[in-house]
Amino acid sequence: TGNFPMDVAFAMVLGANLGGAVPPIMATMKADKA
């Protein structure tokens, strides 16, 4: 859009990378340790 603060956008990318690591952990919560 052109008026979106870039520091907010970069922080969103960081959050997306951090949050993307959580669903696999949630999906394997009941699996064995390996």
PDB file of all heavy atoms in Angstrom:
ATOM      1  N   THR A   1       0.817  -1.212   0.000  1.00  0.00           N
ATOM      2  CA  THR A   1       0.000   0.000   0.000  1.00  0.00           C
ATOM      3  C   THR A   1       0.852   1.263   0.000  1.00  0.00           C
ATOM      4  O   THR A   1       0.393   2.323  -0.391  1.00  0.00           O
ATOM      5  CB  THR A   1      -0.929   0.023   1.234  1.00  0.00           C
ATOM      6  OG1 THR A   1      -0.128   0.042   2.426  1.00  0.00           O
ATOM      7  CG2 THR A   1      -1.825  -1.209   1.250  1.00  0.00           C
ATOM      8  N   GLY A   2       2.097   1.152   0.481  1.00  0.00           N
ATOM      9  CA  GLY A   2       3.007   2.284   0.457  1.00  0.00           C
ATOM     10  C   GLY A   2       3.076   3.060   1.743  1.00  0.00           C
ATOM     11  O   GLY A   2       4.059   3.736   2.014  1.00  0.00           O
ATOM     12  N   ASN A   3       2.034   3.025   2.575  1.00  0.00           N
ATOM     13  CA  ASN A   3       2.009   3.780   3.825  1.00  0.00           C
ATOM     14  C   ASN A   3       2.160   2.894   5.046  1.00  0.00           C
ATOM     15  O   ASN A   3       1.876   3.322   6.160  1.00  0.00           O
ATOM     16  CB  ASN A   3       0.694   4.575   3.951  1.00  0.00           C
ATOM     17  CG  ASN A   3       0.661   5.767   3.014  1.00  0.00           C
ATOM     18  OD1 ASN A   3       1.651   6.056   2.356  1.00  0.00           O
ATOM     19  ND2 ASN A   3      -0.471   6.436   2.945  1.00  0.00           N
ATOM     20  N   PHE A   4       2.573   1.673   4.856  1.00  0.00           N
ATOM     21  CA  PHE A   4       2.714   0.730   5.960  1.00  0.00           C
ATOM     22  C   PHE A   4       4.115   0.871   6.549  1.00  0.00           C
ATOM     23  O   PHE A   4       5.111   0.776   5.815  1.00  0.00           O
ATOM     24  CB  PHE A   4       2.504  -0.694   5.455  1.00  0.00           C
ATOM     25  CG  PHE A   4       2.287  -1.699   6.541  1.00  0.00           C
ATOM     26  CD1 PHE A   4       1.070  -1.785   7.183  1.00  0.00           C
ATOM     27  CD2 PHE A   4       3.301  -2.558   6.932  1.00  0.00           C
ATOM     28  CE1 PHE A   4       0.853  -2.710   8.186  1.00  0.00           C
ATOM     29  CE2 PHE A   4       3.103  -3.492   7.922  1.00  0.00           C
ATOM     30  CZ  PHE A   4       1.868  -3.566   8.564  1.00  0.00           C
ATOM     31  N   PRO A   5       4.252   1.139   7.864  1.00  0.00           N
ATOM     32  CA  PRO A   5       5.592   1.306   8.458  1.00  0.00           C
ATOM     33  C   PRO A   5       6.443   0.057   8.261  1.00  0.00           C
ATOM     34  O   PRO A   5       6.022  -1.052   8.607  1.00  0.00           O
ATOM     35  CB  PRO A   5       5.286   1.542   9.946  1.00  0.00           C
ATOM     36  CG  PRO A   5       3.866   1.998   9.991  1.00  0.00           C
ATOM     37  CD  PRO A   5       3.179   1.315   8.864  1.00  0.00           C
ATOM     38  N   MET A   6       7.641   0.241   7.717  1.00  0.00           N
ATOM     39  CA  MET A   6       8.471  -0.910   7.378  1.00  0.00           C
ATOM     40  C   MET A   6       9.007  -1.619   8.609  1.00  0.00           C
ATOM     41  O   MET A   6       9.230  -2.832   8.590  1.00  0.00           O
ATOM     42  CB  MET A   6       9.629  -0.476   6.484  1.00  0.00           C
ATOM     43  CG  MET A   6       9.190  -0.104   5.064  1.00  0.00           C
ATOM     44  SD  MET A   6       8.255  -1.420   4.248  1.00  0.00           S
ATOM     45  CE  MET A   6       9.507  -2.677   4.092  1.00  0.00           C
ATOM     46  N   ASP A   7       9.207  -0.882   9.724  1.00  0.00           N
ATOM     47  CA  ASP A   7       9.677  -1.568  10.923  1.00  0.00           C
ATOM     48  C   ASP A   7       8.613  -2.526  11.453  1.00  0.00           C
ATOM     49  O   ASP A   7       8.912  -3.610  11.963  1.00  0.00           O
ATOM     50  CB  ASP A   7      10.100  -0.567  11.998  1.00  0.00           C
ATOM     51  CG  ASP A   7       8.929   0.279  12.490  1.00  0.00           C
ATOM     52  OD1 ASP A   7       8.055   0.610  11.662  1.00  0.00           O
ATOM     53  OD2 ASP A   7       8.886   0.598  13.693  1.00  0.00           O
ATOM     54  N   VAL A   8       7.330  -2.143  11.298  1.00  0.00           N
ATOM     55  CA  VAL A   8       6.230  -3.037  11.676  1.00  0.00           C
ATOM     56  C   VAL A   8       6.202  -4.256  10.753  1.00  0.00           C
ATOM     57  O   VAL A   8       6.003  -5.391  11.195  1.00  0.00           O
ATOM     58  CB  VAL A   8       4.881  -2.288  11.635  1.00  0.00           C
ATOM     59  CG1 VAL A   8       3.727  -3.244  11.926  1.00  0.00           C
ATOM     60  CG2 VAL A   8       4.875  -1.136  12.634  1.00  0.00           C
ATOM     61  N   ALA A   9       6.401  -4.010   9.450  1.00  0.00           N
ATOM     62  CA  ALA A   9       6.388  -5.108   8.482  1.00  0.00           C
ATOM     63  C   ALA A   9       7.524  -6.096   8.751  1.00  0.00           C
ATOM     64  O   ALA A   9       7.318  -7.321   8.708  1.00  0.00           O
ATOM     65  CB  ALA A   9       6.500  -4.544   7.071  1.00  0.00           C
ATOM     66  N   PHE A  10       8.726  -5.584   9.041  1.00  0.00           N
ATOM     67  CA  PHE A  10       9.857  -6.476   9.344  1.00  0.00           C
ATOM     68  C   PHE A  10       9.591  -7.278  10.622  1.00  0.00           C
ATOM     69  O   PHE A  10       9.925  -8.459  10.709  1.00  0.00           O
ATOM     70  CB  PHE A  10      11.149  -5.660   9.490  1.00  0.00           C
ATOM     71  CG  PHE A  10      11.675  -5.125   8.197  1.00  0.00           C
ATOM     72  CD1 PHE A  10      12.046  -3.795   8.076  1.00  0.00           C
ATOM     73  CD2 PHE A  10      11.795  -5.950   7.084  1.00  0.00           C
ATOM     74  CE1 PHE A  10      12.526  -3.293   6.884  1.00  0.00           C
ATOM     75  CE2 PHE A  10      12.278  -5.454   5.884  1.00  0.00           C
ATOM     76  CZ  PHE A  10      12.642  -4.117   5.771  1.00  0.00           C
ATOM     77  N   ALA A  11       8.987  -6.608  11.619  1.00  0.00           N
ATOM     78  CA  ALA A  11       8.661  -7.315  12.863  1.00  0.00           C
ATOM     79  C   ALA A  11       7.620  -8.402  12.611  1.00  0.00           C
ATOM     80  O   ALA A  11       7.655  -9.472  13.235  1.00  0.00           O
ATOM     81  CB  ALA A  11       8.163  -6.322  13.913  1.00  0.00           C
ATOM     82  N   MET A  12       6.673  -8.142  11.676  1.00  0.00           N
ATOM     83  CA  MET A  12       5.686  -9.163  11.333  1.00  0.00           C
ATOM     84  C   MET A  12       6.356 -10.386  10.715  1.00  0.00           C
ATOM     85  O   MET A  12       5.978 -11.536  10.987  1.00  0.00           O
ATOM     86  CB  MET A  12       4.644  -8.590  10.361  1.00  0.00           C
ATOM     87  CG  MET A  12       3.628  -7.673  11.001  1.00  0.00           C
ATOM     88  SD  MET A  12       2.336  -7.170   9.827  1.00  0.00           S
ATOM     89  CE  MET A  12       1.491  -8.731   9.567  1.00  0.00           C
ATOM     90  N   VAL A  13       7.363 -10.166   9.878  1.00  0.00           N
ATOM     91  CA  VAL A  13       8.097 -11.285   9.278  1.00  0.00           C
ATOM     92  C   VAL A  13       8.822 -12.088  10.354  1.00  0.00           C
ATOM     93  O   VAL A  13       8.835 -13.321  10.335  1.00  0.00           O
ATOM     94  CB  VAL A  13       9.085 -10.770   8.214  1.00  0.00           C
ATOM     95  CG1 VAL A  13       9.991 -11.903   7.716  1.00  0.00           C
ATOM     96  CG2 VAL A  13       8.327 -10.164   7.041  1.00  0.00           C
ATOM     97  N   LEU A  14       9.412 -11.368  11.325  1.00  0.00           N
ATOM     98  CA  LEU A  14      10.057 -12.071  12.442  1.00  0.00           C
ATOM     99  C   LEU A  14       9.042 -12.905  13.216  1.00  0.00           C
ATOM    100  O   LEU A  14       9.297 -14.059  13.573  1.00  0.00           O
ATOM    101  CB  LEU A  14      10.732 -11.058  13.375  1.00  0.00           C
ATOM    102  CG  LEU A  14      11.981 -10.345  12.844  1.00  0.00           C
ATOM    103  CD1 LEU A  14      12.473  -9.315  13.858  1.00  0.00           C
ATOM    104  CD2 LEU A  14      13.091 -11.348  12.564  1.00  0.00           C
ATOM    105  N   GLY A  15       7.877 -12.317  13.479  1.00  0.00           N
ATOM    106  CA  GLY A  15       6.838 -13.048  14.202  1.00  0.00           C
ATOM    107  C   GLY A  15       6.338 -14.248  13.424  1.00  0.00           C
ATOM    108  O   GLY A  15       6.049 -15.303  14.000  1.00  0.00           O
ATOM    109  N   ALA A  16       6.235 -14.103  12.091  1.00  0.00           N
ATOM    110  CA  ALA A  16       5.810 -15.228  11.257  1.00  0.00           C
ATOM    111  C   ALA A  16       6.812 -16.368  11.331  1.00  0.00           C
ATOM    112  O   ALA A  16       6.430 -17.550  11.397  1.00  0.00           O
ATOM    113  CB  ALA A  16       5.644 -14.770   9.808  1.00  0.00           C
ATOM    114  N   ASN A  17       8.093 -16.044  11.355  1.00  0.00           N
ATOM    115  CA  ASN A  17       9.118 -17.088  11.464  1.00  0.00           C
ATOM    116  C   ASN A  17       9.084 -17.775  12.816  1.00  0.00           C
ATOM    117  O   ASN A  17       9.268 -18.991  12.911  1.00  0.00           O
ATOM    118  CB  ASN A  17      10.505 -16.483  11.206  1.00  0.00           C
ATOM    119  CG  ASN A  17      10.811 -16.345   9.733  1.00  0.00           C
ATOM    120  OD1 ASN A  17      11.321 -17.251   9.097  1.00  0.00           O
ATOM    121  ND2 ASN A  17      10.480 -15.176   9.177  1.00  0.00           N
ATOM    122  N   LEU A  18       8.856 -16.998  13.865  1.00  0.00           N
ATOM    123  CA  LEU A  18       8.778 -17.593  15.194  1.00  0.00           C
ATOM    124  C   LEU A  18       7.515 -18.444  15.339  1.00  0.00           C
ATOM    125  O   LEU A  18       7.556 -19.589  15.808  1.00  0.00           O
ATOM    126  CB  LEU A  18       8.802 -16.495  16.256  1.00  0.00           C
ATOM    127  CG  LEU A  18       8.710 -16.958  17.711  1.00  0.00           C
ATOM    128  CD1 LEU A  18       9.878 -17.890  18.052  1.00  0.00           C
ATOM    129  CD2 LEU A  18       8.694 -15.756  18.655  1.00  0.00           C
ATOM    130  N   GLY A  19       6.384 -17.886  14.939  1.00  0.00           N
ATOM    131  CA  GLY A  19       5.124 -18.616  15.053  1.00  0.00           C
ATOM    132  C   GLY A  19       5.070 -19.857  14.180  1.00  0.00           C
ATOM    133  O   GLY A  19       4.416 -20.845  14.530  1.00  0.00           O
ATOM    134  N   GLY A  20       5.782 -19.839  13.044  1.00  0.00           N
ATOM    135  CA  GLY A  20       5.773 -20.997  12.147  1.00  0.00           C
ATOM    136  C   GLY A  20       6.420 -22.226  12.737  1.00  0.00           C
ATOM    137  O   GLY A  20       6.198 -23.346  12.247  1.00  0.00           O
ATOM    138  N   ALA A  21       7.225 -22.058  13.788  1.00  0.00           N
ATOM    139  CA  ALA A  21       7.875 -23.214  14.425  1.00  0.00           C
ATOM    140  C   ALA A  21       6.974 -23.894  15.439  1.00  0.00           C
ATOM    141  O   ALA A  21       7.279 -25.003  15.885  1.00  0.00           O
ATOM    142  CB  ALA A  21       9.171 -22.763  15.106  1.00  0.00           C
ATOM    143  N   VAL A  22       5.847 -23.251  15.786  1.00  0.00           N
ATOM    144  CA  VAL A  22       4.990 -23.791  16.849  1.00  0.00           C
ATOM    145  C   VAL A  22       4.015 -24.866  16.361  1.00  0.00           C
ATOM    146  O   VAL A  22       3.842 -25.894  17.034  1.00  0.00           O
ATOM    147  CB  VAL A  22       4.236 -22.649  17.557  1.00  0.00           C
ATOM    148  CG1 VAL A  22       3.285 -23.193  18.615  1.00  0.00           C
ATOM    149  CG2 VAL A  22       5.237 -21.686  18.192  1.00  0.00           C
ATOM    150  N   PRO A  23       3.327 -24.700  15.204  1.00  0.00           N
ATOM    151  CA  PRO A  23       2.367 -25.734  14.773  1.00  0.00           C
ATOM    152  C   PRO A  23       2.939 -27.152  14.700  1.00  0.00           C
ATOM    153  O   PRO A  23       2.250 -28.094  15.123  1.00  0.00           O
ATOM    154  CB  PRO A  23       1.916 -25.235  13.389  1.00  0.00           C
ATOM    155  CG  PRO A  23       2.026 -23.758  13.490  1.00  0.00           C
ATOM    156  CD  PRO A  23       3.260 -23.520  14.314  1.00  0.00           C
ATOM    157  N   PRO A  24       4.180 -27.378  14.186  1.00  0.00           N
ATOM    158  CA  PRO A  24       4.704 -28.747  14.212  1.00  0.00           C
ATOM    159  C   PRO A  24       4.849 -29.305  15.630  1.00  0.00           C
ATOM    160  O   PRO A  24       4.660 -30.503  15.845  1.00  0.00           O
ATOM    161  CB  PRO A  24       6.084 -28.617  13.541  1.00  0.00           C
ATOM    162  CG  PRO A  24       5.974 -27.402  12.688  1.00  0.00           C
ATOM    163  CD  PRO A  24       5.081 -26.467  13.450  1.00  0.00           C
ATOM    164  N   ILE A  25       5.184 -28.445  16.584  1.00  0.00           N
ATOM    165  CA  ILE A  25       5.294 -28.906  17.974  1.00  0.00           C
ATOM    166  C   ILE A  25       3.918 -29.277  18.512  1.00  0.00           C
ATOM    167  O   ILE A  25       3.744 -30.306  19.173  1.00  0.00           O
ATOM    168  CB  ILE A  25       5.951 -27.819  18.845  1.00  0.00           C
ATOM    169  CG1 ILE A  25       7.422 -27.664  18.450  1.00  0.00           C
ATOM    170  CG2 ILE A  25       5.833 -28.149  20.321  1.00  0.00           C
ATOM    171  CD1 ILE A  25       8.160 -26.600  19.221  1.00  0.00           C
ATOM    172  N   MET A  26       2.920 -28.460  18.204  1.00  0.00           N
ATOM    173  CA  MET A  26       1.557 -28.754  18.650  1.00  0.00           C
ATOM    174  C   MET A  26       1.039 -30.045  18.011  1.00  0.00           C
ATOM    175  O   MET A  26       0.346 -30.836  18.661  1.00  0.00           O
ATOM    176  CB  MET A  26       0.636 -27.579  18.307  1.00  0.00           C
ATOM    177  CG  MET A  26       0.974 -26.285  19.031  1.00  0.00           C
ATOM    178  SD  MET A  26       0.050 -24.858  18.395  1.00  0.00           S
ATOM    179  CE  MET A  26      -1.631 -25.357  18.708  1.00  0.00           C
ATOM    180  N   ALA A  27       1.378 -30.242  16.730  1.00  0.00           N
ATOM    181  CA  ALA A  27       0.879 -31.426  16.010  1.00  0.00           C
ATOM    182  C   ALA A  27       1.513 -32.719  16.500  1.00  0.00           C
ATOM    183  O   ALA A  27       0.948 -33.793  16.307  1.00  0.00           O
ATOM    184  CB  ALA A  27       1.132 -31.262  14.514  1.00  0.00           C
ATOM    185  N   THR A  28       2.682 -32.626  17.125  1.00  0.00           N
ATOM    186  CA  THR A  28       3.383 -33.838  17.578  1.00  0.00           C
ATOM    187  C   THR A  28       3.389 -33.974  19.099  1.00  0.00           C
ATOM    188  O   THR A  28       4.165 -34.761  19.642  1.00  0.00           O
ATOM    189  CB  THR A  28       4.841 -33.839  17.068  1.00  0.00           C
ATOM    190  OG1 THR A  28       5.504 -32.634  17.509  1.00  0.00           O
ATOM    191  CG2 THR A  28       4.890 -33.910  15.557  1.00  0.00           C
ATOM    192  N   MET A  29       2.518 -33.230  19.779  1.00  0.00           N
ATOM    193  CA  MET A  29       2.514 -33.253  21.239  1.00  0.00           C
ATOM    194  C   MET A  29       2.286 -34.652  21.803  1.00  0.00           C
ATOM    195  O   MET A  29       2.858 -35.030  22.820  1.00  0.00           O
ATOM    196  CB  MET A  29       1.431 -32.303  21.772  1.00  0.00           C
ATOM    197  CG  MET A  29       1.823 -30.829  21.710  1.00  0.00           C
ATOM    198  SD  MET A  29       3.231 -30.434  22.775  1.00  0.00           S
ATOM    199  CE  MET A  29       2.469 -30.614  24.380  1.00  0.00           C
ATOM    200  N   LYS A  30       1.445 -35.459  21.125  1.00  0.00           N
ATOM    201  CA  LYS A  30       1.113 -36.787  21.623  1.00  0.00           C
ATOM    202  C   LYS A  30       1.995 -37.875  21.009  1.00  0.00           C
ATOM    203  O   LYS A  30       1.812 -39.052  21.314  1.00  0.00           O
ATOM    204  CB  LYS A  30      -0.357 -37.101  21.347  1.00  0.00           C
ATOM    205  CG  LYS A  30      -1.313 -36.215  22.137  1.00  0.00           C
ATOM    206  CD  LYS A  30      -2.761 -36.645  21.928  1.00  0.00           C
ATOM    207  CE  LYS A  30      -3.707 -35.794  22.756  1.00  0.00           C
ATOM    208  NZ  LYS A  30      -5.134 -36.205  22.568  1.00  0.00           N
ATOM    209  N   ALA A  31       2.917 -37.475  20.145  1.00  0.00           N
ATOM    210  CA  ALA A  31       3.821 -38.454  19.542  1.00  0.00           C
ATOM    211  C   ALA A  31       4.919 -38.817  20.541  1.00  0.00           C
ATOM    212  O   ALA A  31       5.031 -38.210  21.613  1.00  0.00           O
ATOM    213  CB  ALA A  31       4.422 -37.897  18.256  1.00  0.00           C
ATOM    214  N   ASP A  32       5.720 -39.827  20.179  1.00  0.00           N
ATOM    215  CA  ASP A  32       6.793 -40.207  21.097  1.00  0.00           C
ATOM    216  C   ASP A  32       7.920 -39.175  21.046  1.00  0.00           C
ATOM    217  O   ASP A  32       7.918 -38.257  20.223  1.00  0.00           O
ATOM    218  CB  ASP A  32       7.312 -41.615  20.784  1.00  0.00           C
ATOM    219  CG  ASP A  32       7.865 -41.730  19.374  1.00  0.00           C
ATOM    220  OD1 ASP A  32       7.972 -40.688  18.707  1.00  0.00           O
ATOM    221  OD2 ASP A  32       8.193 -42.850  18.951  1.00  0.00           O
ATOM    222  N   LYS A  33       8.876 -39.321  21.939  1.00  0.00           N
ATOM    223  CA  LYS A  33       9.908 -38.299  22.130  1.00  0.00           C
ATOM    224  C   LYS A  33      10.751 -38.088  20.865  1.00  0.00           C
ATOM    225  O   LYS A  33      11.104 -36.957  20.533  1.00  0.00           O
ATOM    226  CB  LYS A  33      10.821 -38.697  23.293  1.00  0.00           C
ATOM    227  CG  LYS A  33      10.088 -38.956  24.608  1.00  0.00           C
ATOM    228  CD  LYS A  33       9.485 -37.703  25.182  1.00  0.00           C
ATOM    229  CE  LYS A  33       8.787 -37.972  26.508  1.00  0.00           C
ATOM    230  NZ  LYS A  33       9.668 -38.415  27.582  1.00  0.00           N
ATOM    231  N   ALA A  34      11.073 -39.173  20.162  1.00  0.00           N
ATOM    232  CA  ALA A  34      11.920 -39.061  18.968  1.00  0.00           C
ATOM    233  C   ALA A  34      11.262 -38.194  17.902  1.00  0.00           C
ATOM    234  O   ALA A  34      11.929 -37.411  17.214  1.00  0.00           O
ATOM    235  CB  ALA A  34      12.228 -40.448  18.409  1.00  0.00           C
TER     236      ALA A  34
END
